[in-house]
């Protein structure tokens, strides 16, 4: 008996977009990004949602721990819109992410899907959107932000 289970899994694509700006450029080993270690330090990422996008699986902020802290917290927000739209057509307010057990030199992924998922007043991202993602340090942050890894569905799936 032949199994067709693999045909029920929708195809996906994955892209990584490095941080494009921030308060201070930083390196951790041979990795580069922007440092979040003082209150109000920032990292900025610009993502374009590809034409073959039909829904997302996950969107994660990728970072490396600088020093081991018991708890680290960051705020992440976004603005997005399409060509000829107002650049902040859709805004998702700051979400506070609390991280525990991040060690020095450890690569981590922070699920920020809710920053692009929309809410009662804002639509979710769509193909063709330009998405600006902003990560901001709080007083207990010690990270280098590398960028965003975005995994999405390629075709509409029932």
N, C-alpha and C. Protein backbone atom coordinates (compact mmCIF):
# COMPACT_ATOMS: atom_id res chain seq x y z
N UNK A 1 0.84 -1.18 0.00
CA UNK A 1 0.00 0.00 0.00
C UNK A 1 0.89 1.25 0.00
N UNK A 2 0.59 2.14 -0.87
CA UNK A 2 1.38 3.35 -1.02
C UNK A 2 0.80 4.48 -0.18
N UNK A 3 1.68 5.25 0.44
CA UNK A 3 1.23 6.37 1.27
C UNK A 3 1.35 7.68 0.49
N UNK A 4 0.32 8.47 0.56
CA UNK A 4 0.33 9.79 -0.08
C UNK A 4 0.36 10.92 0.95
N UNK A 5 0.79 10.62 2.17
CA UNK A 5 0.79 11.63 3.21
C UNK A 5 1.64 12.84 2.85
N UNK A 6 2.75 12.61 2.17
CA UNK A 6 3.63 13.73 1.83
C UNK A 6 2.93 14.75 0.95
N UNK A 7 1.95 14.32 0.17
CA UNK A 7 1.26 15.25 -0.72
C UNK A 7 0.28 16.15 0.04
N UNK A 8 -0.01 15.84 1.30
CA UNK A 8 -0.91 16.67 2.10
C UNK A 8 -0.18 17.79 2.83
N UNK A 9 1.12 17.79 2.80
CA UNK A 9 1.89 18.82 3.48
C UNK A 9 2.16 19.93 2.48
N UNK A 10 1.65 21.13 2.76
CA UNK A 10 1.86 22.21 1.79
C UNK A 10 3.33 22.61 1.72
N UNK A 11 3.80 22.94 0.53
CA UNK A 11 5.19 23.35 0.38
C UNK A 11 5.45 24.69 1.07
N UNK A 12 6.65 24.83 1.58
CA UNK A 12 7.02 26.06 2.26
C UNK A 12 8.32 26.59 1.70
N UNK A 13 8.56 27.86 1.99
CA UNK A 13 9.84 28.49 1.69
C UNK A 13 10.29 29.19 2.95
N UNK A 14 11.57 29.45 2.98
CA UNK A 14 12.14 30.08 4.15
C UNK A 14 13.17 31.11 3.71
N UNK A 15 13.12 32.29 4.32
CA UNK A 15 14.11 33.31 4.03
C UNK A 15 14.65 33.85 5.34
N UNK A 16 15.87 34.38 5.28
CA UNK A 16 16.46 35.05 6.43
C UNK A 16 16.81 36.46 6.00
N UNK A 17 16.41 37.43 6.80
CA UNK A 17 16.69 38.84 6.52
C UNK A 17 17.51 39.40 7.68
N UNK A 18 18.74 39.83 7.42
CA UNK A 18 19.56 40.36 8.51
C UNK A 18 19.05 41.72 8.99
N UNK A 19 19.38 42.05 10.23
CA UNK A 19 19.09 43.38 10.76
C UNK A 19 19.82 44.40 9.88
N UNK A 20 19.14 45.48 9.53
CA UNK A 20 19.70 46.45 8.60
C UNK A 20 20.17 47.73 9.27
N UNK A 21 19.76 47.96 10.50
CA UNK A 21 20.15 49.18 11.20
C UNK A 21 19.97 48.95 12.69
N UNK A 22 20.58 49.82 13.47
CA UNK A 22 20.43 49.72 14.91
C UNK A 22 21.27 50.74 15.64
N UNK A 23 21.17 50.71 16.96
CA UNK A 23 21.91 51.64 17.79
C UNK A 23 23.41 51.44 17.65
N UNK A 24 23.85 50.19 17.66
CA UNK A 24 25.28 49.92 17.53
C UNK A 24 25.52 48.58 16.87
N UNK A 25 26.35 48.60 15.82
CA UNK A 25 26.72 47.34 15.16
C UNK A 25 27.56 46.51 16.13
N UNK A 26 27.44 45.18 16.02
CA UNK A 26 28.17 44.30 16.93
C UNK A 26 28.50 42.99 16.23
N UNK A 27 29.54 42.35 16.71
CA UNK A 27 29.91 41.02 16.24
C UNK A 27 29.97 40.09 17.44
N UNK A 28 29.56 38.87 17.22
CA UNK A 28 29.69 37.81 18.22
C UNK A 28 30.29 36.65 17.47
N UNK A 29 31.60 36.42 17.68
CA UNK A 29 32.31 35.46 16.85
C UNK A 29 32.35 36.02 15.44
N UNK A 30 31.91 35.26 14.46
CA UNK A 30 31.87 35.75 13.09
C UNK A 30 30.46 36.18 12.67
N UNK A 31 29.53 36.21 13.61
CA UNK A 31 28.16 36.65 13.36
C UNK A 31 28.07 38.16 13.55
N UNK A 32 27.26 38.82 12.72
CA UNK A 32 27.09 40.27 12.84
C UNK A 32 25.64 40.63 13.05
N UNK A 33 25.44 41.73 13.74
CA UNK A 33 24.09 42.22 13.99
C UNK A 33 24.15 43.54 14.71
N UNK A 34 23.12 43.79 15.52
CA UNK A 34 23.03 45.02 16.28
C UNK A 34 22.78 44.68 17.74
N UNK A 35 23.49 45.40 18.61
CA UNK A 35 23.51 45.06 20.03
C UNK A 35 22.33 45.70 20.77
N UNK A 36 21.75 44.90 21.63
CA UNK A 36 20.74 45.38 22.57
C UNK A 36 21.27 45.08 23.97
N UNK A 37 21.91 46.06 24.58
CA UNK A 37 22.42 45.82 25.93
C UNK A 37 22.14 46.96 26.89
N UNK A 38 21.67 48.08 26.39
CA UNK A 38 21.27 49.20 27.24
C UNK A 38 19.82 49.54 26.95
N UNK A 39 19.14 50.08 27.96
CA UNK A 39 17.76 50.47 27.79
C UNK A 39 17.61 51.36 26.56
N UNK A 40 16.64 51.06 25.72
CA UNK A 40 16.31 51.80 24.50
C UNK A 40 17.26 51.55 23.33
N UNK A 41 18.20 50.60 23.41
CA UNK A 41 18.96 50.21 22.22
C UNK A 41 17.98 49.59 21.23
N UNK A 42 18.25 49.79 19.94
CA UNK A 42 17.33 49.34 18.90
C UNK A 42 18.02 48.49 17.84
N UNK A 43 17.24 47.62 17.21
CA UNK A 43 17.64 46.91 15.99
C UNK A 43 16.44 46.97 15.05
N UNK A 44 16.72 47.20 13.76
CA UNK A 44 15.67 47.36 12.75
C UNK A 44 15.88 46.36 11.63
N UNK A 45 14.78 45.79 11.15
CA UNK A 45 14.82 44.79 10.08
C UNK A 45 13.74 45.17 9.07
N UNK A 46 14.06 45.08 7.78
CA UNK A 46 13.08 45.35 6.73
C UNK A 46 12.87 44.08 5.93
N UNK A 47 11.63 43.61 5.85
CA UNK A 47 11.27 42.36 5.19
C UNK A 47 10.25 42.66 4.11
N UNK A 48 10.44 42.08 2.94
CA UNK A 48 9.44 42.15 1.87
C UNK A 48 8.74 40.79 1.80
N UNK A 49 7.41 40.79 1.82
CA UNK A 49 6.66 39.53 1.75
C UNK A 49 6.57 39.12 0.28
N UNK A 50 7.16 37.96 -0.07
CA UNK A 50 7.25 37.54 -1.49
C UNK A 50 5.90 37.32 -2.16
N UNK A 51 5.92 37.38 -3.49
CA UNK A 51 4.70 37.24 -4.31
C UNK A 51 4.06 35.87 -4.18
N UNK A 52 4.84 34.83 -3.79
CA UNK A 52 4.28 33.48 -3.68
C UNK A 52 3.80 33.16 -2.26
N UNK A 53 3.71 34.15 -1.40
CA UNK A 53 3.27 33.98 -0.02
C UNK A 53 1.78 33.66 0.04
N UNK A 54 1.42 32.61 0.81
CA UNK A 54 0.02 32.25 1.01
C UNK A 54 -0.27 31.92 2.47
N UNK A 55 0.46 32.51 3.37
CA UNK A 55 0.26 32.27 4.81
C UNK A 55 1.58 31.87 5.44
N UNK A 56 1.69 32.16 6.72
CA UNK A 56 2.98 31.86 7.35
C UNK A 56 2.91 30.70 8.31
N UNK A 57 4.06 30.08 8.48
CA UNK A 57 4.24 29.05 9.50
C UNK A 57 4.85 29.68 10.74
N UNK A 58 5.91 30.45 10.52
CA UNK A 58 6.54 31.09 11.66
C UNK A 58 7.39 32.27 11.22
N UNK A 59 7.55 33.17 12.15
CA UNK A 59 8.44 34.31 11.98
C UNK A 59 9.20 34.42 13.29
N UNK A 60 10.52 34.29 13.24
CA UNK A 60 11.32 34.33 14.46
C UNK A 60 12.42 35.38 14.36
N UNK A 61 12.65 36.04 15.47
CA UNK A 61 13.76 36.96 15.61
C UNK A 61 14.96 36.15 16.08
N UNK A 62 16.08 36.25 15.39
CA UNK A 62 17.27 35.46 15.72
C UNK A 62 18.26 36.34 16.44
N UNK A 63 18.78 35.85 17.56
CA UNK A 63 19.71 36.63 18.38
C UNK A 63 20.76 35.71 18.98
N UNK A 64 21.83 36.32 19.48
CA UNK A 64 22.87 35.61 20.21
C UNK A 64 23.03 36.28 21.57
N UNK A 65 23.06 35.47 22.62
CA UNK A 65 23.28 35.99 23.96
C UNK A 65 24.71 36.51 24.12
N UNK A 66 24.85 37.67 24.73
CA UNK A 66 26.18 38.23 24.96
C UNK A 66 26.74 37.67 26.26
N UNK A 67 25.99 37.79 27.33
CA UNK A 67 26.34 37.24 28.63
C UNK A 67 25.13 36.48 29.15
N UNK A 68 25.34 35.58 30.07
CA UNK A 68 24.24 34.82 30.65
C UNK A 68 23.50 35.70 31.64
N UNK A 69 22.21 35.89 31.41
CA UNK A 69 21.33 36.59 32.35
C UNK A 69 20.19 35.66 32.69
N UNK A 70 19.71 35.72 33.92
CA UNK A 70 18.60 34.85 34.34
C UNK A 70 17.37 35.12 33.49
N UNK A 71 17.08 36.39 33.25
CA UNK A 71 15.91 36.78 32.46
C UNK A 71 16.31 37.95 31.56
N UNK A 72 15.85 37.91 30.32
CA UNK A 72 16.06 39.01 29.40
C UNK A 72 14.71 39.38 28.80
N UNK A 73 14.52 40.67 28.54
CA UNK A 73 13.25 41.11 27.96
C UNK A 73 13.52 42.09 26.82
N UNK A 74 12.71 41.96 25.76
CA UNK A 74 12.78 42.90 24.64
C UNK A 74 11.35 43.23 24.20
N UNK A 75 11.19 44.39 23.61
CA UNK A 75 9.94 44.80 22.98
C UNK A 75 10.11 44.70 21.48
N UNK A 76 9.10 44.16 20.79
CA UNK A 76 9.14 44.05 19.33
C UNK A 76 7.82 44.59 18.78
N UNK A 77 7.92 45.46 17.75
CA UNK A 77 6.73 45.98 17.10
C UNK A 77 6.96 46.01 15.60
N UNK A 78 5.92 46.32 14.83
CA UNK A 78 6.05 46.33 13.37
C UNK A 78 5.10 47.33 12.75
N UNK A 79 5.45 47.75 11.54
CA UNK A 79 4.59 48.53 10.65
C UNK A 79 4.67 47.85 9.29
N UNK A 80 3.54 47.78 8.58
CA UNK A 80 3.59 47.19 7.25
C UNK A 80 2.50 47.75 6.36
N UNK A 81 2.81 47.72 5.07
CA UNK A 81 1.89 48.18 4.06
C UNK A 81 2.44 47.85 2.69
N UNK A 82 1.66 48.09 1.65
CA UNK A 82 2.06 47.75 0.29
C UNK A 82 2.47 48.99 -0.48
N UNK A 83 2.97 48.75 -1.68
CA UNK A 83 3.33 49.83 -2.59
C UNK A 83 2.16 50.80 -2.70
N UNK A 84 2.45 52.07 -2.61
CA UNK A 84 1.47 53.15 -2.68
C UNK A 84 0.59 53.28 -1.44
N UNK A 85 0.80 52.44 -0.43
CA UNK A 85 0.10 52.58 0.85
C UNK A 85 0.88 53.52 1.76
N UNK A 86 0.23 53.97 2.78
CA UNK A 86 0.89 54.68 3.86
C UNK A 86 1.83 53.70 4.54
N UNK A 87 3.05 54.09 4.86
CA UNK A 87 4.07 53.15 5.37
C UNK A 87 3.69 52.51 6.70
N UNK A 88 2.81 53.15 7.44
CA UNK A 88 2.36 52.58 8.71
C UNK A 88 0.88 52.22 8.65
N UNK A 89 0.46 51.77 7.46
CA UNK A 89 -0.94 51.40 7.26
C UNK A 89 -1.39 50.43 8.34
N UNK A 90 -0.57 49.43 8.59
CA UNK A 90 -0.86 48.45 9.64
C UNK A 90 0.27 48.53 10.67
N UNK A 91 -0.09 48.73 11.92
CA UNK A 91 0.90 48.79 12.99
C UNK A 91 0.52 47.81 14.07
N UNK A 92 1.49 47.07 14.52
CA UNK A 92 1.31 46.18 15.66
C UNK A 92 2.13 46.76 16.80
N UNK A 93 1.45 47.12 17.88
CA UNK A 93 2.12 47.71 19.04
C UNK A 93 3.14 46.77 19.63
N UNK A 94 3.93 47.31 20.54
CA UNK A 94 5.04 46.55 21.11
C UNK A 94 4.55 45.35 21.92
N UNK A 95 5.12 44.20 21.60
CA UNK A 95 4.90 42.99 22.38
C UNK A 95 6.13 42.77 23.24
N UNK A 96 5.96 42.50 24.51
CA UNK A 96 7.09 42.26 25.41
C UNK A 96 7.38 40.76 25.43
N UNK A 97 8.62 40.41 25.14
CA UNK A 97 9.06 39.01 25.16
C UNK A 97 10.03 38.82 26.31
N UNK A 98 9.73 37.86 27.17
CA UNK A 98 10.59 37.54 28.30
C UNK A 98 11.29 36.22 28.02
N UNK A 99 12.62 36.25 28.07
CA UNK A 99 13.44 35.09 27.75
C UNK A 99 14.15 34.63 29.01
N UNK A 100 14.17 33.32 29.23
CA UNK A 100 14.89 32.80 30.39
C UNK A 100 15.91 31.77 29.92
N UNK A 101 17.01 31.69 30.64
CA UNK A 101 18.02 30.67 30.37
C UNK A 101 18.83 30.89 29.11
N UNK A 102 18.99 32.13 28.65
CA UNK A 102 19.80 32.40 27.47
C UNK A 102 21.26 32.52 27.93
N UNK A 103 22.12 31.66 27.40
CA UNK A 103 23.52 31.67 27.78
C UNK A 103 24.37 32.54 26.88
N UNK A 104 25.55 32.86 27.34
CA UNK A 104 26.50 33.61 26.53
C UNK A 104 26.81 32.80 25.27
N UNK A 105 26.85 33.44 24.12
CA UNK A 105 27.16 32.85 22.82
C UNK A 105 26.10 31.88 22.31
N UNK A 106 24.95 31.80 22.94
CA UNK A 106 23.88 30.90 22.52
C UNK A 106 23.01 31.57 21.47
N UNK A 107 22.79 30.89 20.33
CA UNK A 107 21.88 31.38 19.30
C UNK A 107 20.46 31.00 19.72
N UNK A 108 19.58 31.99 19.71
CA UNK A 108 18.19 31.74 20.09
C UNK A 108 17.26 32.25 19.00
N UNK A 109 16.05 31.71 19.00
CA UNK A 109 14.98 32.16 18.10
C UNK A 109 13.79 32.53 18.96
N UNK A 110 13.27 33.75 18.74
CA UNK A 110 12.13 34.26 19.50
C UNK A 110 10.95 34.34 18.53
N UNK A 111 9.90 33.59 18.81
CA UNK A 111 8.72 33.56 17.94
C UNK A 111 8.01 34.92 18.00
N UNK A 112 8.06 35.66 16.90
CA UNK A 112 7.42 36.98 16.85
C UNK A 112 6.24 36.98 15.86
N UNK A 113 5.65 35.83 15.64
CA UNK A 113 4.54 35.71 14.69
C UNK A 113 3.42 36.68 15.02
N UNK A 114 3.14 36.91 16.31
CA UNK A 114 2.03 37.81 16.67
C UNK A 114 2.30 39.26 16.25
N UNK A 115 3.55 39.61 15.93
CA UNK A 115 3.88 40.96 15.50
C UNK A 115 3.42 41.21 14.05
N UNK A 116 3.20 40.15 13.29
CA UNK A 116 2.76 40.28 11.89
C UNK A 116 1.40 39.61 11.65
N UNK A 117 0.80 39.08 12.69
CA UNK A 117 -0.40 38.27 12.59
C UNK A 117 -1.69 39.08 12.55
N UNK A 118 -1.63 40.38 12.81
CA UNK A 118 -2.83 41.18 12.85
C UNK A 118 -3.60 40.96 14.15
N UNK A 119 -4.62 41.76 14.34
CA UNK A 119 -5.47 41.64 15.52
C UNK A 119 -6.87 42.12 15.14
N UNK A 120 -7.67 42.48 16.12
CA UNK A 120 -9.06 42.87 15.84
C UNK A 120 -9.15 44.12 14.96
N UNK A 121 -8.12 44.97 14.98
CA UNK A 121 -8.19 46.21 14.22
C UNK A 121 -7.20 46.28 13.06
N UNK A 122 -6.28 45.34 12.98
CA UNK A 122 -5.22 45.37 11.96
C UNK A 122 -5.17 44.03 11.24
N UNK A 123 -5.07 44.06 9.91
CA UNK A 123 -4.98 42.82 9.15
C UNK A 123 -3.59 42.20 9.32
N UNK A 124 -3.49 40.93 9.02
CA UNK A 124 -2.20 40.24 9.00
C UNK A 124 -1.44 40.65 7.74
N UNK A 125 -0.17 40.31 7.68
CA UNK A 125 0.62 40.64 6.50
C UNK A 125 0.06 39.92 5.28
N UNK A 126 0.34 40.50 4.11
CA UNK A 126 -0.08 39.92 2.84
C UNK A 126 1.10 39.96 1.88
N UNK A 127 1.02 39.15 0.81
CA UNK A 127 2.09 39.22 -0.20
C UNK A 127 2.17 40.64 -0.73
N UNK A 128 3.40 41.08 -0.95
CA UNK A 128 3.63 42.43 -1.44
C UNK A 128 3.80 43.47 -0.35
N UNK A 129 3.64 43.08 0.91
CA UNK A 129 3.83 44.03 2.00
C UNK A 129 5.32 44.28 2.25
N UNK A 130 5.62 45.51 2.60
CA UNK A 130 6.92 45.87 3.15
C UNK A 130 6.73 45.92 4.65
N UNK A 131 7.52 45.12 5.37
CA UNK A 131 7.34 44.97 6.81
C UNK A 131 8.57 45.51 7.53
N UNK A 132 8.38 46.52 8.34
CA UNK A 132 9.45 47.02 9.20
C UNK A 132 9.29 46.42 10.58
N UNK A 133 10.34 45.78 11.08
CA UNK A 133 10.31 45.14 12.39
C UNK A 133 11.34 45.84 13.27
N UNK A 134 10.93 46.18 14.48
CA UNK A 134 11.76 46.93 15.40
C UNK A 134 11.87 46.16 16.72
N UNK A 135 13.10 45.90 17.15
CA UNK A 135 13.34 45.27 18.45
C UNK A 135 14.03 46.30 19.34
N UNK A 136 13.53 46.45 20.56
CA UNK A 136 14.07 47.44 21.48
C UNK A 136 14.43 46.79 22.81
N UNK A 137 15.58 47.17 23.33
CA UNK A 137 16.05 46.62 24.60
C UNK A 137 15.28 47.20 25.78
N UNK A 138 15.20 46.41 26.83
CA UNK A 138 14.76 46.91 28.12
C UNK A 138 15.99 46.90 29.03
N UNK A 139 15.80 47.18 30.29
CA UNK A 139 16.96 47.25 31.18
C UNK A 139 17.63 45.90 31.39
N UNK A 140 16.95 44.81 31.12
CA UNK A 140 17.56 43.48 31.33
C UNK A 140 17.74 42.76 30.00
N UNK A 141 18.50 43.36 29.10
CA UNK A 141 18.73 42.76 27.79
C UNK A 141 20.22 42.73 27.50
N UNK A 142 20.69 41.62 26.94
CA UNK A 142 22.10 41.46 26.61
C UNK A 142 22.20 40.55 25.39
N UNK A 143 21.78 41.07 24.21
CA UNK A 143 21.67 40.27 23.00
C UNK A 143 22.28 40.99 21.80
N UNK A 144 22.72 40.22 20.81
CA UNK A 144 23.03 40.74 19.48
C UNK A 144 21.92 40.22 18.57
N UNK A 145 21.17 41.13 17.95
CA UNK A 145 20.08 40.76 17.05
C UNK A 145 20.67 40.53 15.66
N UNK A 146 20.51 39.30 15.13
CA UNK A 146 21.03 38.96 13.81
C UNK A 146 20.04 39.30 12.70
N UNK A 147 18.76 39.04 12.93
CA UNK A 147 17.76 39.29 11.90
C UNK A 147 16.51 38.48 12.14
N UNK A 148 15.74 38.27 11.05
CA UNK A 148 14.48 37.54 11.12
C UNK A 148 14.52 36.36 10.16
N UNK A 149 14.07 35.20 10.66
CA UNK A 149 13.87 34.03 9.80
C UNK A 149 12.36 33.88 9.60
N UNK A 150 11.96 33.84 8.33
CA UNK A 150 10.54 33.87 7.97
C UNK A 150 10.24 32.63 7.13
N UNK A 151 9.36 31.77 7.63
CA UNK A 151 8.96 30.56 6.92
C UNK A 151 7.48 30.68 6.58
N UNK A 152 7.16 30.45 5.30
CA UNK A 152 5.79 30.68 4.86
C UNK A 152 5.32 29.60 3.89
N UNK A 153 3.99 29.51 3.75
CA UNK A 153 3.37 28.59 2.81
C UNK A 153 3.47 29.19 1.41
N UNK A 154 3.75 28.32 0.44
CA UNK A 154 3.90 28.77 -0.93
C UNK A 154 2.59 28.73 -1.70
N UNK A 155 1.79 27.73 -1.49
CA UNK A 155 0.54 27.60 -2.23
C UNK A 155 -0.61 27.54 -1.24
N UNK A 156 -1.78 27.97 -1.72
CA UNK A 156 -2.96 27.85 -0.89
C UNK A 156 -3.23 26.39 -0.62
N UNK A 157 -3.55 26.09 0.62
CA UNK A 157 -3.80 24.71 1.02
C UNK A 157 -5.14 24.65 1.72
N UNK A 158 -5.91 23.64 1.37
CA UNK A 158 -7.26 23.49 1.96
C UNK A 158 -7.17 23.06 3.39
